[in-house]
Amino acid sequence: MQKAYVLPHFRAASAVHILERHPQIDQCIYCSVAGDDEELLQAIRSRVDLMVVSGRTSAPIEVIYDRDLLGGDRLAAAVGAHCLAPEGTEILVVDSGTAVTYERINAAGVYIGGNISPGLQARFRALHEFTGKLPWLRRPLEGKWDELFGHNTQDAIRAGVLRGFLYEIDGYISELKQQYPDIWVFLAGGDSFYLESRLKNKTIALRDLVVIGLNRLLEYNKR
């Protein structure tokens, strides 16, 4: 059985409520990019076995990235993609959130590194905060923006940021495909399906790729 919860804030009371609704749960895995909430962790530990993920967590792939500075979410994304792709496959993971991250796993199953770039909201917000008059488009993915150029300020911002974002992602994919024509490209994060339909290159959109990777990490470390 699978059940997904999307909460604006995840606190101790929320965890207790979920665990009470699902008494069959006996193991949990926790990953946060905003720092650990000790009250939340204690609430979970008081009811089930808890594993906290970091960049140094043991994984079923070799990692040559600096683990002291690697986020647990990035490790989980790489692990998730590796467990889904055929053995011996070159892999790129693009995870679009507050930041957009690029993770490279080679055909030998080695996480060889990645890049970090501003996410969509960060780009829209930066135009507002670092200029005198440009508005902050808080819901930029709504509406159409098929025109190459905008005919007003809002459309110009929307088209400029979104097209630049797509060109960036397609650029990474196209360059890698010159070396690895059969590379698998995974899109993760809340914008994954929106981006998939607009990129020129073929991709696999899995919004819950990090969750899949977290589950694989839990299985691997509970052997």
C-alpha atoms as a PDB file:
ATOM      1  CA  MET A   1       0.000   0.000   0.000  1.00  0.00           C
ATOM      2  CA  GLN A   2       1.243   3.494  -0.845  1.00  0.00           C
ATOM      3  CA  LYS A   3      -0.029   6.791   0.496  1.00  0.00           C
ATOM      4  CA  ALA A   4       1.440  10.220  -0.198  1.00  0.00           C
ATOM      5  CA  TYR A   5       1.053  13.304   1.997  1.00  0.00           C
ATOM      6  CA  VAL A   6       1.990  16.822   0.913  1.00  0.00           C
ATOM      7  CA  LEU A   7       2.150  19.189   3.882  1.00  0.00           C
ATOM      8  CA  PRO A   8       3.067  22.906   4.018  1.00  0.00           C
ATOM      9  CA  HIS A   9       4.996  22.198   7.230  1.00  0.00           C
ATOM     10  CA  PHE A  10       6.092  18.844   8.615  1.00  0.00           C
ATOM     11  CA  ARG A  11       6.250  18.948  12.384  1.00  0.00           C
ATOM     12  CA  ALA A  12       6.228  16.403  15.233  1.00  0.00           C
ATOM     13  CA  ALA A  13       2.438  16.485  15.482  1.00  0.00           C
ATOM     14  CA  SER A  14       2.132  15.733  11.759  1.00  0.00           C
ATOM     15  CA  ALA A  15       4.455  12.739  12.041  1.00  0.00           C
ATOM     16  CA  VAL A  16       2.565  11.372  15.033  1.00  0.00           C
ATOM     17  CA  HIS A  17      -0.749  11.766  13.203  1.00  0.00           C
ATOM     18  CA  ILE A  18       0.524   9.908  10.130  1.00  0.00           C
ATOM     19  CA  LEU A  19       2.069   7.096  12.163  1.00  0.00           C
ATOM     20  CA  GLU A  20      -1.133   6.685  14.154  1.00  0.00           C
ATOM     21  CA  ARG A  21      -3.114   6.395  10.914  1.00  0.00           C
ATOM     22  CA  HIS A  22      -0.680   3.762   9.602  1.00  0.00           C
ATOM     23  CA  PRO A  23       0.214   1.491  12.544  1.00  0.00           C
ATOM     24  CA  GLN A  24       1.713  -1.068  10.138  1.00  0.00           C
ATOM     25  CA  ILE A  25       4.725   1.234   9.617  1.00  0.00           C
ATOM     26  CA  ASP A  26       7.729   0.003  11.587  1.00  0.00           C
ATOM     27  CA  GLN A  27      10.587   1.804   9.787  1.00  0.00           C
ATOM     28  CA  CYS A  28      11.063   5.375   8.608  1.00  0.00           C
ATOM     29  CA  ILE A  29      13.752   7.202   6.691  1.00  0.00           C
ATOM     30  CA  TYR A  30      14.269  10.954   7.101  1.00  0.00           C
ATOM     31  CA  CYS A  31      15.988  13.435   4.806  1.00  0.00           C
ATOM     32  CA  SER A  32      15.967  17.230   5.151  1.00  0.00           C
ATOM     33  CA  VAL A  33      17.773  19.988   3.264  1.00  0.00           C
ATOM     34  CA  ALA A  34      16.752  22.612   5.840  1.00  0.00           C
ATOM     35  CA  GLY A  35      18.409  21.146   8.933  1.00  0.00           C
ATOM     36  CA  ASP A  36      17.185  18.470  11.315  1.00  0.00           C
ATOM     37  CA  ASP A  37      14.146  19.108  13.512  1.00  0.00           C
ATOM     38  CA  GLU A  38      15.096  17.327  16.754  1.00  0.00           C
ATOM     39  CA  GLU A  39      11.567  17.428  18.159  1.00  0.00           C
ATOM     40  CA  LEU A  40      10.287  15.790  14.977  1.00  0.00           C
ATOM     41  CA  LEU A  41      13.032  13.156  15.001  1.00  0.00           C
ATOM     42  CA  GLN A  42      12.336  12.305  18.630  1.00  0.00           C
ATOM     43  CA  ALA A  43       8.618  11.946  17.946  1.00  0.00           C
ATOM     44  CA  ILE A  44       9.332   9.478  15.144  1.00  0.00           C
ATOM     45  CA  ARG A  45      11.965   7.552  17.115  1.00  0.00           C
ATOM     46  CA  SER A  46       9.544   7.091  19.991  1.00  0.00           C
ATOM     47  CA  ARG A  47       7.284   5.038  17.700  1.00  0.00           C
ATOM     48  CA  VAL A  48       9.348   3.396  14.954  1.00  0.00           C
ATOM     49  CA  ASP A  49      12.892   2.612  13.879  1.00  0.00           C
ATOM     50  CA  LEU A  50      14.307   5.737  12.190  1.00  0.00           C
ATOM     51  CA  MET A  51      17.170   6.175   9.721  1.00  0.00           C
ATOM     52  CA  VAL A  52      18.453   9.711   9.036  1.00  0.00           C
ATOM     53  CA  VAL A  53      20.052  10.227   5.615  1.00  0.00           C
ATOM     54  CA  SER A  54      23.038  12.442   4.916  1.00  0.00           C
ATOM     55  CA  GLY A  55      25.622  12.660   2.172  1.00  0.00           C
ATOM     56  CA  ARG A  56      27.723  10.116   4.072  1.00  0.00           C
ATOM     57  CA  THR A  57      25.014   7.434   4.228  1.00  0.00           C
ATOM     58  CA  SER A  58      26.119   4.048   2.884  1.00  0.00           C
ATOM     59  CA  ALA A  59      24.726   3.594  -0.616  1.00  0.00           C
ATOM     60  CA  PRO A  60      24.547   0.862  -3.281  1.00  0.00           C
ATOM     61  CA  ILE A  61      26.612   3.069  -5.609  1.00  0.00           C
ATOM     62  CA  GLU A  62      30.170   4.334  -5.369  1.00  0.00           C
ATOM     63  CA  VAL A  63      30.397   8.072  -4.662  1.00  0.00           C
ATOM     64  CA  ILE A  64      33.451  10.161  -5.556  1.00  0.00           C
ATOM     65  CA  TYR A  65      31.738  13.507  -4.847  1.00  0.00           C
ATOM     66  CA  ASP A  66      32.740  15.274  -1.592  1.00  0.00           C
ATOM     67  CA  ARG A  67      30.414  13.484   0.826  1.00  0.00           C
ATOM     68  CA  ASP A  68      30.865  16.062   3.576  1.00  0.00           C
ATOM     69  CA  LEU A  69      29.089  18.631   1.414  1.00  0.00           C
ATOM     70  CA  LEU A  70      26.678  16.312  -0.413  1.00  0.00           C
ATOM     71  CA  GLY A  71      22.991  16.681   0.418  1.00  0.00           C
ATOM     72  CA  GLY A  72      21.088  13.533   1.306  1.00  0.00           C
ATOM     73  CA  ASP A  73      18.434  14.409  -1.276  1.00  0.00           C
ATOM     74  CA  ARG A  74      21.023  14.475  -4.055  1.00  0.00           C
ATOM     75  CA  LEU A  75      22.415  11.126  -2.986  1.00  0.00           C
ATOM     76  CA  ALA A  76      18.884   9.691  -2.920  1.00  0.00           C
ATOM     77  CA  ALA A  77      18.144  11.016  -6.419  1.00  0.00           C
ATOM     78  CA  ALA A  78      21.294   9.362  -7.771  1.00  0.00           C
ATOM     79  CA  VAL A  79      20.486   6.075  -6.027  1.00  0.00           C
ATOM     80  CA  GLY A  80      16.884   6.156  -7.252  1.00  0.00           C
ATOM     81  CA  ALA A  81      17.910   6.683 -10.860  1.00  0.00           C
ATOM     82  CA  HIS A  82      20.584   4.006 -10.677  1.00  0.00           C
ATOM     83  CA  CYS A  83      18.169   1.385  -9.342  1.00  0.00           C
ATOM     84  CA  LEU A  84      15.634   2.141 -12.096  1.00  0.00           C
ATOM     85  CA  ALA A  85      17.939   2.308 -15.118  1.00  0.00           C
ATOM     86  CA  PRO A  86      19.290  -0.827 -16.823  1.00  0.00           C
ATOM     87  CA  GLU A  87      22.678  -2.036 -15.627  1.00  0.00           C
ATOM     88  CA  GLY A  88      25.575  -0.401 -17.454  1.00  0.00           C
ATOM     89  CA  THR A  89      23.618   2.756 -18.319  1.00  0.00           C
ATOM     90  CA  GLU A  90      24.986   6.298 -18.314  1.00  0.00           C
ATOM     91  CA  ILE A  91      22.622   8.478 -16.264  1.00  0.00           C
ATOM     92  CA  LEU A  92      21.848  12.162 -15.758  1.00  0.00           C
ATOM     93  CA  VAL A  93      19.396  13.285 -13.076  1.00  0.00           C
ATOM     94  CA  VAL A  94      17.895  16.782 -13.220  1.00  0.00           C
ATOM     95  CA  ASP A  95      16.050  17.707 -10.018  1.00  0.00           C
ATOM     96  CA  SER A  96      14.170  21.002 -10.188  1.00  0.00           C
ATOM     97  CA  GLY A  97      13.348  22.611  -6.849  1.00  0.00           C
ATOM     98  CA  THR A  98      14.572  25.715  -5.043  1.00  0.00           C
ATOM     99  CA  ALA A  99      17.809  24.872  -6.810  1.00  0.00           C
ATOM    100  CA  VAL A 100      18.149  22.727  -9.908  1.00  0.00           C
ATOM    101  CA  THR A 101      20.714  19.997  -9.428  1.00  0.00           C
ATOM    102  CA  TYR A 102      22.427  17.829 -12.015  1.00  0.00           C
ATOM    103  CA  GLU A 103      23.713  14.405 -10.926  1.00  0.00           C
ATOM    104  CA  ARG A 104      25.915  12.159 -13.091  1.00  0.00           C
ATOM    105  CA  ILE A 105      26.135   8.425 -12.605  1.00  0.00           C
ATOM    106  CA  ASN A 106      28.343   6.591 -15.061  1.00  0.00           C
ATOM    107  CA  ALA A 107      27.842   3.168 -16.621  1.00  0.00           C
ATOM    108  CA  ALA A 108      29.931   1.564 -13.877  1.00  0.00           C
ATOM    109  CA  GLY A 109      27.441   2.789 -11.264  1.00  0.00           C
ATOM    110  CA  VAL A 110      29.699   5.535  -9.912  1.00  0.00           C
ATOM    111  CA  TYR A 111      28.257   8.897  -8.858  1.00  0.00           C
ATOM    112  CA  ILE A 112      30.953  11.021 -10.443  1.00  0.00           C
ATOM    113  CA  GLY A 113      29.638  14.487  -9.560  1.00  0.00           C
ATOM    114  CA  GLY A 114      27.081  17.112 -10.408  1.00  0.00           C
ATOM    115  CA  ASN A 115      26.220  20.776 -10.677  1.00  0.00           C
ATOM    116  CA  ILE A 116      23.941  23.203  -8.857  1.00  0.00           C
ATOM    117  CA  SER A 117      22.083  26.110 -10.471  1.00  0.00           C
ATOM    118  CA  PRO A 118      19.280  28.470  -9.338  1.00  0.00           C
ATOM    119  CA  GLY A 119      15.818  26.961  -9.572  1.00  0.00           C
ATOM    120  CA  LEU A 120      12.876  28.584 -11.312  1.00  0.00           C
ATOM    121  CA  GLN A 121      11.517  30.471  -8.301  1.00  0.00           C
ATOM    122  CA  ALA A 122      15.005  31.693  -7.397  1.00  0.00           C
ATOM    123  CA  ARG A 123      15.414  33.127 -10.899  1.00  0.00           C
ATOM    124  CA  PHE A 124      12.066  34.897 -10.880  1.00  0.00           C
ATOM    125  CA  ARG A 125      12.651  36.250  -7.383  1.00  0.00           C
ATOM    126  CA  ALA A 126      16.160  37.447  -8.217  1.00  0.00           C
ATOM    127  CA  LEU A 127      14.848  39.614 -11.076  1.00  0.00           C
ATOM    128  CA  HIS A 128      12.490  41.304  -8.628  1.00  0.00           C
ATOM    129  CA  GLU A 129      14.904  41.726  -5.724  1.00  0.00           C
ATOM    130  CA  PHE A 130      17.939  42.884  -7.713  1.00  0.00           C
ATOM    131  CA  THR A 131      16.135  45.380  -9.944  1.00  0.00           C
ATOM    132  CA  GLY A 132      14.129  48.471  -9.177  1.00  0.00           C
ATOM    133  CA  LYS A 133      10.842  47.808 -10.954  1.00  0.00           C
ATOM    134  CA  LEU A 134      10.535  44.250 -12.240  1.00  0.00           C
ATOM    135  CA  PRO A 135       7.669  42.302 -10.594  1.00  0.00           C
ATOM    136  CA  TRP A 136       8.040  38.964  -8.866  1.00  0.00           C
ATOM    137  CA  LEU A 137       6.045  36.328 -10.768  1.00  0.00           C
ATOM    138  CA  ARG A 138       5.050  33.941  -8.009  1.00  0.00           C
ATOM    139  CA  ARG A 139       3.114  31.518 -10.218  1.00  0.00           C
ATOM    140  CA  PRO A 140       5.173  31.542 -13.402  1.00  0.00           C
ATOM    141  CA  LEU A 141       4.059  28.168 -14.758  1.00  0.00           C
ATOM    142  CA  GLU A 142       0.451  29.226 -15.243  1.00  0.00           C
ATOM    143  CA  GLY A 143      -0.795  30.268 -18.653  1.00  0.00           C
ATOM    144  CA  LYS A 144       0.806  29.953 -22.080  1.00  0.00           C
ATOM    145  CA  TRP A 145       4.110  31.411 -23.171  1.00  0.00           C
ATOM    146  CA  ASP A 146       4.580  29.912 -26.629  1.00  0.00           C
ATOM    147  CA  GLU A 147       5.832  33.175 -28.101  1.00  0.00           C
ATOM    148  CA  LEU A 148       9.593  33.415 -28.494  1.00  0.00           C
ATOM    149  CA  PHE A 149       9.542  36.959 -27.091  1.00  0.00           C
ATOM    150  CA  GLY A 150       7.193  38.667 -24.670  1.00  0.00           C
ATOM    151  CA  HIS A 151       5.032  41.663 -25.613  1.00  0.00           C
ATOM    152  CA  ASN A 152       4.798  43.032 -22.074  1.00  0.00           C
ATOM    153  CA  THR A 153       7.033  42.972 -19.025  1.00  0.00           C
ATOM    154  CA  GLN A 154       5.425  39.972 -17.334  1.00  0.00           C
ATOM    155  CA  ASP A 155       5.490  37.851 -20.492  1.00  0.00           C
ATOM    156  CA  ALA A 156       9.064  38.947 -21.187  1.00  0.00           C
ATOM    157  CA  ILE A 157      10.134  37.773 -17.713  1.00  0.00           C
ATOM    158  CA  ARG A 158       8.184  34.542 -17.977  1.00  0.00           C
ATOM    159  CA  ALA A 159       9.487  33.659 -21.444  1.00  0.00           C
ATOM    160  CA  GLY A 160      13.020  34.788 -20.636  1.00  0.00           C
ATOM    161  CA  VAL A 161      13.373  32.784 -17.445  1.00  0.00           C
ATOM    162  CA  LEU A 162      11.510  29.674 -18.575  1.00  0.00           C
ATOM    163  CA  ARG A 163      13.192  29.485 -21.964  1.00  0.00           C
ATOM    164  CA  GLY A 164      16.580  30.084 -20.397  1.00  0.00           C
ATOM    165  CA  PHE A 165      15.881  27.306 -17.913  1.00  0.00           C
ATOM    166  CA  LEU A 166      14.879  24.878 -20.665  1.00  0.00           C
ATOM    167  CA  TYR A 167      17.863  25.849 -22.827  1.00  0.00           C
ATOM    168  CA  GLU A 168      20.157  25.164 -19.862  1.00  0.00           C
ATOM    169  CA  ILE A 169      18.742  21.694 -19.248  1.00  0.00           C
ATOM    170  CA  ASP A 170      18.634  20.800 -22.944  1.00  0.00           C
ATOM    171  CA  GLY A 171      22.219  22.032 -23.247  1.00  0.00           C
ATOM    172  CA  TYR A 172      23.442  19.594 -20.608  1.00  0.00           C
ATOM    173  CA  ILE A 173      21.535  16.725 -22.168  1.00  0.00           C
ATOM    174  CA  SER A 174      22.647  17.484 -25.743  1.00  0.00           C
ATOM    175  CA  GLU A 175      26.307  17.759 -24.753  1.00  0.00           C
ATOM    176  CA  LEU A 176      26.206  14.452 -22.885  1.00  0.00           C
ATOM    177  CA  LYS A 177      24.394  12.744 -25.745  1.00  0.00           C
ATOM    178  CA  GLN A 178      27.296  13.576 -28.038  1.00  0.00           C
ATOM    179  CA  GLN A 179      29.432  11.290 -25.873  1.00  0.00           C
ATOM    180  CA  TYR A 180      26.730   8.868 -24.690  1.00  0.00           C
ATOM    181  CA  PRO A 181      23.876   8.620 -27.235  1.00  0.00           C
ATOM    182  CA  ASP A 182      21.957   6.131 -25.073  1.00  0.00           C
ATOM    183  CA  ILE A 183      22.171   8.090 -21.817  1.00  0.00           C
ATOM    184  CA  TRP A 184      19.088   7.956 -19.585  1.00  0.00           C
ATOM    185  CA  VAL A 185      17.886  11.337 -18.330  1.00  0.00           C
ATOM    186  CA  PHE A 186      15.598  11.511 -15.303  1.00  0.00           C
ATOM    187  CA  LEU A 187      13.616  14.609 -14.308  1.00  0.00           C
ATOM    188  CA  ALA A 188      12.665  14.877 -10.644  1.00  0.00           C
ATOM    189  CA  GLY A 189      10.916  17.470  -8.497  1.00  0.00           C
ATOM    190  CA  GLY A 190       7.601  19.282  -8.637  1.00  0.00           C
ATOM    191  CA  ASP A 191       8.163  20.793 -12.100  1.00  0.00           C
ATOM    192  CA  SER A 192       9.284  17.541 -13.736  1.00  0.00           C
ATOM    193  CA  PHE A 193       6.186  16.819 -15.849  1.00  0.00           C
ATOM    194  CA  TYR A 194       5.877  20.445 -16.909  1.00  0.00           C
ATOM    195  CA  LEU A 195       9.494  20.481 -18.060  1.00  0.00           C
ATOM    196  CA  GLU A 196       9.332  17.069 -19.741  1.00  0.00           C
ATOM    197  CA  SER A 197       6.694  18.228 -22.232  1.00  0.00           C
ATOM    198  CA  ARG A 198       8.776  21.275 -23.216  1.00  0.00           C
ATOM    199  CA  LEU A 199      12.315  19.939 -23.463  1.00  0.00           C
ATOM    200  CA  LYS A 200      13.603  18.987 -26.899  1.00  0.00           C
ATOM    201  CA  ASN A 201      15.432  15.935 -25.568  1.00  0.00           C
ATOM    202  CA  LYS A 202      13.721  12.773 -24.395  1.00  0.00           C
ATOM    203  CA  THR A 203      13.545  12.452 -20.621  1.00  0.00           C
ATOM    204  CA  ILE A 204      11.845  10.332 -17.952  1.00  0.00           C
ATOM    205  CA  ALA A 205       9.811  12.413 -15.489  1.00  0.00           C
ATOM    206  CA  LEU A 206       9.515  10.917 -12.003  1.00  0.00           C
ATOM    207  CA  ARG A 207       8.394  13.468  -9.455  1.00  0.00           C
ATOM    208  CA  ASP A 208       9.094  11.021  -6.606  1.00  0.00           C
ATOM    209  CA  LEU A 209      12.552   9.903  -7.749  1.00  0.00           C
ATOM    210  CA  VAL A 210      14.114  11.067  -4.464  1.00  0.00           C
ATOM    211  CA  VAL A 211      11.520   9.071  -2.509  1.00  0.00           C
ATOM    212  CA  ILE A 212      12.332   5.981  -4.588  1.00  0.00           C
ATOM    213  CA  GLY A 213      16.003   6.512  -3.802  1.00  0.00           C
ATOM    214  CA  LEU A 214      15.313   6.969  -0.103  1.00  0.00           C
ATOM    215  CA  ASN A 215      13.419   3.686  -0.016  1.00  0.00           C
ATOM    216  CA  ARG A 216      16.350   1.963  -1.751  1.00  0.00           C
ATOM    217  CA  LEU A 217      18.759   3.450   0.808  1.00  0.00           C
ATOM    218  CA  LEU A 218      16.571   2.186   3.637  1.00  0.00           C
ATOM    219  CA  GLU A 219      16.494  -1.327   2.159  1.00  0.00           C
ATOM    220  CA  TYR A 220      20.248  -1.276   1.556  1.00  0.00           C
ATOM    221  CA  ASN A 221      21.113  -0.195   5.089  1.00  0.00           C
ATOM    222  CA  LYS A 222      18.645  -2.554   6.801  1.00  0.00           C
ATOM    223  CA  ARG A 223      20.132  -5.721   5.306  1.00  0.00           C
END
